[in-house]
Amino acid sequence: MKKFALVLAVLLSAFGVAAESKKSPSVLVVYFSHRGSTKTVGNWIADCADADIFEIEPQKAYPSTYEETLPIARSEQDETMRPLIKKRLQNLESYDVVFIGYPLWFGKMPMILYTFFDEYDFSGKKIVPFVTYGGSPVARGWDEIPQLEPEAQIIGKLAVKNGKVKKSKSTVEKFVKSLNLKDFANQN
């Protein structure tokens, strides 16, 4: 059977007939989630995009309640801290498209995302930030990534309000499909 396939491939190439390549891009979903909303959205994206998934976990866990986390998050931002990440992402270079998700804290990325961007080079990558938010203005939540990764390209943005996450699955799926990810295969 292997000989037949080899002979067929040689004959087809000799006559100028090539198999059509519909290679999908290699897609990764990276997220940091404090209370689960961003994780939920990240899992939906990974399912829809047939993506690998990586959770950014702090070495020192944040308190479980939002109220207890607020002063810590504020202190991290005020002091431009870089919280340590528990485990390293392997093989970022093998991905074409990277979805990066996080909750907005005071209208910005949590400082652990700065740690993440400090540790990895996204040059040539297509990045799709997705955020979950409560009362923070979303517009500022996008500003930091192009400054941190000027050699990457933002190809879309998604914001999901915390109180509406459970009802947003179809919106998330439509957003992912609208990106036409196959267009970005092997462009690194």
C-alpha atoms as a PDB file:
ATOM      1  CA  MET A   1       0.000   0.000   0.000  1.00  0.00           C
ATOM      2  CA  LYS A   2       2.863   2.379   0.842  1.00  0.00           C
ATOM      3  CA  LYS A   3       4.457   1.671  -2.562  1.00  0.00           C
ATOM      4  CA  PHE A   4       1.177   2.453  -4.304  1.00  0.00           C
ATOM      5  CA  ALA A   5       0.845   5.793  -2.468  1.00  0.00           C
ATOM      6  CA  LEU A   6       4.435   6.684  -3.321  1.00  0.00           C
ATOM      7  CA  VAL A   7       3.993   5.789  -7.005  1.00  0.00           C
ATOM      8  CA  LEU A   8       0.743   7.778  -7.118  1.00  0.00           C
ATOM      9  CA  ALA A   9       2.394  10.836  -5.551  1.00  0.00           C
ATOM     10  CA  VAL A  10       5.296  10.646  -8.042  1.00  0.00           C
ATOM     11  CA  LEU A  11       2.897  10.314 -11.007  1.00  0.00           C
ATOM     12  CA  LEU A  12       0.716  13.183  -9.835  1.00  0.00           C
ATOM     13  CA  SER A  13       3.698  15.458  -9.342  1.00  0.00           C
ATOM     14  CA  ALA A  14       5.115  14.457 -12.743  1.00  0.00           C
ATOM     15  CA  PHE A  15       1.894  15.611 -14.382  1.00  0.00           C
ATOM     16  CA  GLY A  16       1.797  18.849 -12.431  1.00  0.00           C
ATOM     17  CA  VAL A  17      -1.049  17.779 -10.170  1.00  0.00           C
ATOM     18  CA  ALA A  18      -0.492  18.593  -6.528  1.00  0.00           C
ATOM     19  CA  ALA A  19      -2.708  17.815  -3.611  1.00  0.00           C
ATOM     20  CA  GLU A  20      -4.378  20.944  -2.301  1.00  0.00           C
ATOM     21  CA  SER A  21      -2.978  21.903   1.065  1.00  0.00           C
ATOM     22  CA  LYS A  22      -5.557  23.134   3.541  1.00  0.00           C
ATOM     23  CA  LYS A  23      -3.130  23.285   6.447  1.00  0.00           C
ATOM     24  CA  SER A  24      -4.666  24.855   9.489  1.00  0.00           C
ATOM     25  CA  PRO A  25      -2.603  27.295  11.476  1.00  0.00           C
ATOM     26  CA  SER A  26      -1.208  26.172  14.758  1.00  0.00           C
ATOM     27  CA  VAL A  27      -3.312  27.986  17.333  1.00  0.00           C
ATOM     28  CA  LEU A  28      -2.726  28.482  21.040  1.00  0.00           C
ATOM     29  CA  VAL A  29      -5.026  29.937  23.673  1.00  0.00           C
ATOM     30  CA  VAL A  30      -3.204  31.434  26.653  1.00  0.00           C
ATOM     31  CA  TYR A  31      -5.170  32.866  29.533  1.00  0.00           C
ATOM     32  CA  PHE A  32      -4.988  34.104  33.088  1.00  0.00           C
ATOM     33  CA  SER A  33      -8.243  33.756  34.996  1.00  0.00           C
ATOM     34  CA  HIS A  34      -8.894  34.823  38.558  1.00  0.00           C
ATOM     35  CA  ARG A  35     -12.462  33.661  39.142  1.00  0.00           C
ATOM     36  CA  GLY A  36     -13.216  31.506  36.106  1.00  0.00           C
ATOM     37  CA  SER A  37     -14.815  33.816  33.533  1.00  0.00           C
ATOM     38  CA  THR A  38     -11.703  34.169  31.388  1.00  0.00           C
ATOM     39  CA  LYS A  39     -11.062  30.425  31.663  1.00  0.00           C
ATOM     40  CA  THR A  40     -14.571  29.703  30.384  1.00  0.00           C
ATOM     41  CA  VAL A  41     -14.126  31.996  27.382  1.00  0.00           C
ATOM     42  CA  GLY A  42     -10.649  30.570  26.732  1.00  0.00           C
ATOM     43  CA  ASN A  43     -11.975  27.016  26.692  1.00  0.00           C
ATOM     44  CA  TRP A  44     -14.713  27.978  24.224  1.00  0.00           C
ATOM     45  CA  ILE A  45     -12.129  29.616  21.950  1.00  0.00           C
ATOM     46  CA  ALA A  46      -9.847  26.568  22.154  1.00  0.00           C
ATOM     47  CA  ASP A  47     -12.732  24.243  21.251  1.00  0.00           C
ATOM     48  CA  CYS A  48     -13.846  26.410  18.336  1.00  0.00           C
ATOM     49  CA  ALA A  49     -10.326  27.020  16.964  1.00  0.00           C
ATOM     50  CA  ASP A  50      -9.064  23.470  17.608  1.00  0.00           C
ATOM     51  CA  ALA A  51      -6.326  25.097  19.676  1.00  0.00           C
ATOM     52  CA  ASP A  52      -3.929  24.053  22.364  1.00  0.00           C
ATOM     53  CA  ILE A  53      -4.436  25.776  25.697  1.00  0.00           C
ATOM     54  CA  PHE A  54      -2.119  27.129  28.399  1.00  0.00           C
ATOM     55  CA  GLU A  55      -3.167  28.675  31.692  1.00  0.00           C
ATOM     56  CA  ILE A  56      -0.970  31.357  33.227  1.00  0.00           C
ATOM     57  CA  GLU A  57      -0.905  30.542  36.918  1.00  0.00           C
ATOM     58  CA  PRO A  58       0.784  32.749  39.493  1.00  0.00           C
ATOM     59  CA  GLN A  59       3.401  31.139  41.667  1.00  0.00           C
ATOM     60  CA  LYS A  60       1.651  32.712  44.632  1.00  0.00           C
ATOM     61  CA  ALA A  61      -2.108  32.355  44.211  1.00  0.00           C
ATOM     62  CA  TYR A  62      -4.326  35.401  44.552  1.00  0.00           C
ATOM     63  CA  PRO A  63      -7.023  35.373  47.225  1.00  0.00           C
ATOM     64  CA  SER A  64     -10.231  33.752  46.044  1.00  0.00           C
ATOM     65  CA  THR A  65     -12.446  36.810  46.539  1.00  0.00           C
ATOM     66  CA  TYR A  66     -12.453  39.833  44.318  1.00  0.00           C
ATOM     67  CA  GLU A  67     -12.498  42.176  47.315  1.00  0.00           C
ATOM     68  CA  GLU A  68      -9.339  40.631  48.795  1.00  0.00           C
ATOM     69  CA  THR A  69      -7.589  40.671  45.416  1.00  0.00           C
ATOM     70  CA  LEU A  70      -8.256  44.356  44.623  1.00  0.00           C
ATOM     71  CA  PRO A  71      -5.635  45.871  46.959  1.00  0.00           C
ATOM     72  CA  ILE A  72      -3.030  43.339  45.805  1.00  0.00           C
ATOM     73  CA  ALA A  73      -3.771  44.060  42.140  1.00  0.00           C
ATOM     74  CA  ARG A  74      -3.618  47.805  42.777  1.00  0.00           C
ATOM     75  CA  SER A  75      -0.286  47.472  44.598  1.00  0.00           C
ATOM     76  CA  GLU A  76       1.145  45.355  41.758  1.00  0.00           C
ATOM     77  CA  GLN A  77       0.139  48.014  39.220  1.00  0.00           C
ATOM     78  CA  ASP A  78       1.362  50.948  41.315  1.00  0.00           C
ATOM     79  CA  GLU A  79       4.735  49.281  41.849  1.00  0.00           C
ATOM     80  CA  THR A  80       4.926  47.777  38.319  1.00  0.00           C
ATOM     81  CA  MET A  81       5.550  44.383  39.879  1.00  0.00           C
ATOM     82  CA  ARG A  82       6.093  41.251  37.840  1.00  0.00           C
ATOM     83  CA  PRO A  83       4.412  38.355  39.677  1.00  0.00           C
ATOM     84  CA  LEU A  84       6.131  35.036  39.036  1.00  0.00           C
ATOM     85  CA  ILE A  85       4.464  32.429  36.834  1.00  0.00           C
ATOM     86  CA  LYS A  86       4.207  28.846  38.113  1.00  0.00           C
ATOM     87  CA  LYS A  87       5.057  26.977  34.892  1.00  0.00           C
ATOM     88  CA  ARG A  88       6.678  27.791  31.557  1.00  0.00           C
ATOM     89  CA  LEU A  89       5.035  27.608  28.165  1.00  0.00           C
ATOM     90  CA  GLN A  90       6.896  25.273  25.813  1.00  0.00           C
ATOM     91  CA  ASN A  91       7.305  25.770  22.054  1.00  0.00           C
ATOM     92  CA  LEU A  92       5.677  29.165  21.521  1.00  0.00           C
ATOM     93  CA  GLU A  93       7.599  29.358  18.255  1.00  0.00           C
ATOM     94  CA  SER A  94       5.471  26.534  16.815  1.00  0.00           C
ATOM     95  CA  TYR A  95       2.251  28.576  16.931  1.00  0.00           C
ATOM     96  CA  ASP A  96       0.969  30.910  14.213  1.00  0.00           C
ATOM     97  CA  VAL A  97      -1.923  32.472  16.135  1.00  0.00           C
ATOM     98  CA  VAL A  98      -2.066  33.115  19.871  1.00  0.00           C
ATOM     99  CA  PHE A  99      -5.249  34.115  21.687  1.00  0.00           C
ATOM    100  CA  ILE A 100      -4.336  35.831  24.954  1.00  0.00           C
ATOM    101  CA  GLY A 101      -7.027  36.250  27.605  1.00  0.00           C
ATOM    102  CA  TYR A 102      -7.197  38.052  30.906  1.00  0.00           C
ATOM    103  CA  PRO A 103      -9.597  39.906  33.171  1.00  0.00           C
ATOM    104  CA  LEU A 104      -9.282  43.671  33.191  1.00  0.00           C
ATOM    105  CA  TRP A 105      -8.090  44.961  36.537  1.00  0.00           C
ATOM    106  CA  PHE A 106      -8.508  48.725  36.868  1.00  0.00           C
ATOM    107  CA  GLY A 107      -8.889  48.902  33.093  1.00  0.00           C
ATOM    108  CA  LYS A 108      -5.545  47.227  32.417  1.00  0.00           C
ATOM    109  CA  MET A 109      -3.951  43.835  32.068  1.00  0.00           C
ATOM    110  CA  PRO A 110      -3.056  42.164  35.353  1.00  0.00           C
ATOM    111  CA  MET A 111       0.664  42.521  36.014  1.00  0.00           C
ATOM    112  CA  ILE A 112       1.223  38.793  35.600  1.00  0.00           C
ATOM    113  CA  LEU A 113       0.555  39.341  31.882  1.00  0.00           C
ATOM    114  CA  TYR A 114       3.467  41.766  31.782  1.00  0.00           C
ATOM    115  CA  THR A 115       5.600  38.974  33.253  1.00  0.00           C
ATOM    116  CA  PHE A 116       4.351  36.680  30.501  1.00  0.00           C
ATOM    117  CA  PHE A 117       5.127  39.168  27.719  1.00  0.00           C
ATOM    118  CA  ASP A 118       8.565  39.845  29.248  1.00  0.00           C
ATOM    119  CA  GLU A 119       9.390  36.125  29.075  1.00  0.00           C
ATOM    120  CA  TYR A 120       8.333  35.358  25.488  1.00  0.00           C
ATOM    121  CA  ASP A 121       8.952  36.806  22.038  1.00  0.00           C
ATOM    122  CA  PHE A 122       5.831  37.178  19.915  1.00  0.00           C
ATOM    123  CA  SER A 123       7.591  38.559  16.834  1.00  0.00           C
ATOM    124  CA  GLY A 124       5.739  37.467  13.712  1.00  0.00           C
ATOM    125  CA  LYS A 125       2.813  36.044  15.680  1.00  0.00           C
ATOM    126  CA  LYS A 126      -0.814  36.908  15.133  1.00  0.00           C
ATOM    127  CA  ILE A 127      -2.294  37.858  18.509  1.00  0.00           C
ATOM    128  CA  VAL A 128      -5.962  37.946  19.459  1.00  0.00           C
ATOM    129  CA  PRO A 129      -6.526  39.470  22.894  1.00  0.00           C
ATOM    130  CA  PHE A 130      -9.718  38.583  24.701  1.00  0.00           C
ATOM    131  CA  VAL A 131     -10.793  40.128  27.968  1.00  0.00           C
ATOM    132  CA  THR A 132     -13.450  39.713  30.573  1.00  0.00           C
ATOM    133  CA  TYR A 133     -14.456  42.827  32.426  1.00  0.00           C
ATOM    134  CA  GLY A 134     -16.776  44.277  34.999  1.00  0.00           C
ATOM    135  CA  GLY A 135     -16.780  48.034  35.288  1.00  0.00           C
ATOM    136  CA  SER A 136     -13.429  48.799  33.661  1.00  0.00           C
ATOM    137  CA  PRO A 137     -13.389  50.642  30.340  1.00  0.00           C
ATOM    138  CA  VAL A 138     -12.366  48.069  27.748  1.00  0.00           C
ATOM    139  CA  ALA A 139     -10.572  50.463  25.372  1.00  0.00           C
ATOM    140  CA  ARG A 140      -7.523  50.789  27.620  1.00  0.00           C
ATOM    141  CA  GLY A 141      -7.281  47.029  28.007  1.00  0.00           C
ATOM    142  CA  TRP A 142      -5.928  46.652  24.465  1.00  0.00           C
ATOM    143  CA  ASP A 143      -3.285  49.378  24.506  1.00  0.00           C
ATOM    144  CA  GLU A 144      -0.485  47.526  26.217  1.00  0.00           C
ATOM    145  CA  ILE A 145       0.029  44.559  23.894  1.00  0.00           C
ATOM    146  CA  PRO A 146       1.220  46.458  20.784  1.00  0.00           C
ATOM    147  CA  GLN A 147       3.617  48.404  22.988  1.00  0.00           C
ATOM    148  CA  LEU A 148       4.993  45.213  24.554  1.00  0.00           C
ATOM    149  CA  GLU A 149       5.066  43.209  21.314  1.00  0.00           C
ATOM    150  CA  PRO A 150       5.583  45.661  18.418  1.00  0.00           C
ATOM    151  CA  GLU A 151       6.622  42.878  16.013  1.00  0.00           C
ATOM    152  CA  ALA A 152       3.358  40.974  16.473  1.00  0.00           C
ATOM    153  CA  GLN A 153       0.094  41.694  14.684  1.00  0.00           C
ATOM    154  CA  ILE A 154      -3.249  42.048  16.458  1.00  0.00           C
ATOM    155  CA  ILE A 155      -5.849  40.420  14.197  1.00  0.00           C
ATOM    156  CA  GLY A 156      -8.937  40.773  16.375  1.00  0.00           C
ATOM    157  CA  LYS A 157     -10.161  41.667  19.856  1.00  0.00           C
ATOM    158  CA  LEU A 158     -12.928  40.241  21.988  1.00  0.00           C
ATOM    159  CA  ALA A 159     -14.452  41.612  25.182  1.00  0.00           C
ATOM    160  CA  VAL A 160     -17.012  39.728  27.257  1.00  0.00           C
ATOM    161  CA  LYS A 161     -18.750  41.317  30.232  1.00  0.00           C
ATOM    162  CA  ASN A 162     -18.410  39.202  33.376  1.00  0.00           C
ATOM    163  CA  GLY A 163     -22.137  39.123  34.066  1.00  0.00           C
ATOM    164  CA  LYS A 164     -22.841  37.856  30.538  1.00  0.00           C
ATOM    165  CA  VAL A 165     -20.170  35.167  30.127  1.00  0.00           C
ATOM    166  CA  LYS A 166     -22.535  32.213  30.562  1.00  0.00           C
ATOM    167  CA  LYS A 167     -24.745  33.505  27.727  1.00  0.00           C
ATOM    168  CA  SER A 168     -21.868  34.402  25.382  1.00  0.00           C
ATOM    169  CA  LYS A 169     -20.775  31.062  23.932  1.00  0.00           C
ATOM    170  CA  SER A 170     -22.364  31.636  20.518  1.00  0.00           C
ATOM    171  CA  THR A 171     -20.923  35.164  20.362  1.00  0.00           C
ATOM    172  CA  VAL A 172     -17.450  33.807  21.133  1.00  0.00           C
ATOM    173  CA  GLU A 173     -17.792  31.085  18.487  1.00  0.00           C
ATOM    174  CA  LYS A 174     -18.978  33.592  15.851  1.00  0.00           C
ATOM    175  CA  PHE A 175     -16.040  35.840  16.682  1.00  0.00           C
ATOM    176  CA  VAL A 176     -13.509  33.007  16.292  1.00  0.00           C
ATOM    177  CA  LYS A 177     -15.045  31.899  12.988  1.00  0.00           C
ATOM    178  CA  SER A 178     -15.016  35.502  11.706  1.00  0.00           C
ATOM    179  CA  LEU A 179     -11.208  35.563  11.999  1.00  0.00           C
ATOM    180  CA  ASN A 180     -10.783  33.020   9.160  1.00  0.00           C
ATOM    181  CA  LEU A 181      -7.815  31.481  10.943  1.00  0.00           C
ATOM    182  CA  LYS A 182      -6.832  29.314   7.956  1.00  0.00           C
ATOM    183  CA  ASP A 183      -5.648  32.527   6.299  1.00  0.00           C
ATOM    184  CA  PHE A 184      -2.836  32.727   8.857  1.00  0.00           C
ATOM    185  CA  ALA A 185      -1.295  29.262   8.475  1.00  0.00           C
ATOM    186  CA  ASN A 186       2.514  29.214   8.343  1.00  0.00           C
ATOM    187  CA  GLN A 187       2.975  32.961   8.046  1.00  0.00           C
ATOM    188  CA  ASN A 188       5.689  33.157  10.714  1.00  0.00           C
END
